[in-house]
Amino acid sequence: MNPYPYLILLKPRVIWLLIFSSTAGYIYAAPSVNWLELASLLLVATLAIGGSAAFNHYWERDIDAVMTRTARRPLPAGLVPPAGALALSLALSAAGIALAFLLLGHLPAIFVLAGWLFYAVVYTIWLKRRSWLNVLVGGFAGNATFLGGYALGRGSVDLVAVLVSFAIYLWIPSHIWALAYRYRHDYIRAGVPMLPVLIRERKSVALVSAMNIVAAAYAVLVYLMLGAGAAGLALVLGGAAASVAASALALARGDDESMWRMYKASSPILTLFLSALIVARLF
């Protein structure tokens, strides 16, 4: 058996950023880094988030088969049987959630469970095929990743943690909607009601670009509120400037390529924000 298609089910190119979000939450909140705690968090996050991603592959295999962007994924390509994908997803998810309660404690584990539920159940099963609110409601899974790490480091969750977590939440719609715009014909063919396929193209470009700018401005505002230091601020401002530039290009051109560039730039920009939190805490 070739293990590579099973690894792809975990969406490693996507989930690493959510795992990094948990790591940033922990390091920022903890009085000092306990490497055993951090290793436990990384294990739990990888299992739970990877399990939810594998479940998403299983549940959406019919959609993936009719979309050009996803037709070569392991399930529609016949590289992994549906039963195997489901078994992997449930095994990883169960292990991740169980280990969260065993190794991390109840409060961090509750956020691990909440993140899994928002992505696998609320977003994937309930809303994705039914409503354009799918991203806005399912996006709370992003908050949960940061809050789980923060709760482990601090032992509690406060207003600061919630406000910082919304920097991740606001990033999610512009990230996913930019991709949905670029592949809007795929989503139309699959009958998935992502917001960019429900409104006129020019309005869609303007809305997604505005969301991207709002997310960048919020990240800068939150970081300034934290008063966390110049080194981290330079990272956040650099990310915000790149985000605004990508949005301005999309607004000016309004074409698929500029929206694709905005999508591709969004992950590094969030990485800079999360890295700034770690830099601020450590240095």
Foldseek 3Di string as FASTA:
>chain_A
DDCVLVVVLLVVVPLVLLLLLLVLLQLLQAPHDDPVLNVLSSLLSSLQSSLLSLLLCLLCVVLLCQAPVRCCRCDNVVNADSVRSNVSSVVSNVVSLVSCCVRQNDPLSVLSVVLSCLRNPVQRPNPFLPDLCSLLRSLCSQLSSSQSSNCSRNVDDDPLSNLLSVLSSLLRLLLVLLVCLLRVVSCVRSNGPHPCVVDDLLVSLLVSLVSLLVSLVSLLVSVVVVVLDDVLSVLSVVLNVVSNVLSVVCNVPSDSVSSVVNNVSSSVSVVSSSVSSNVSSPD
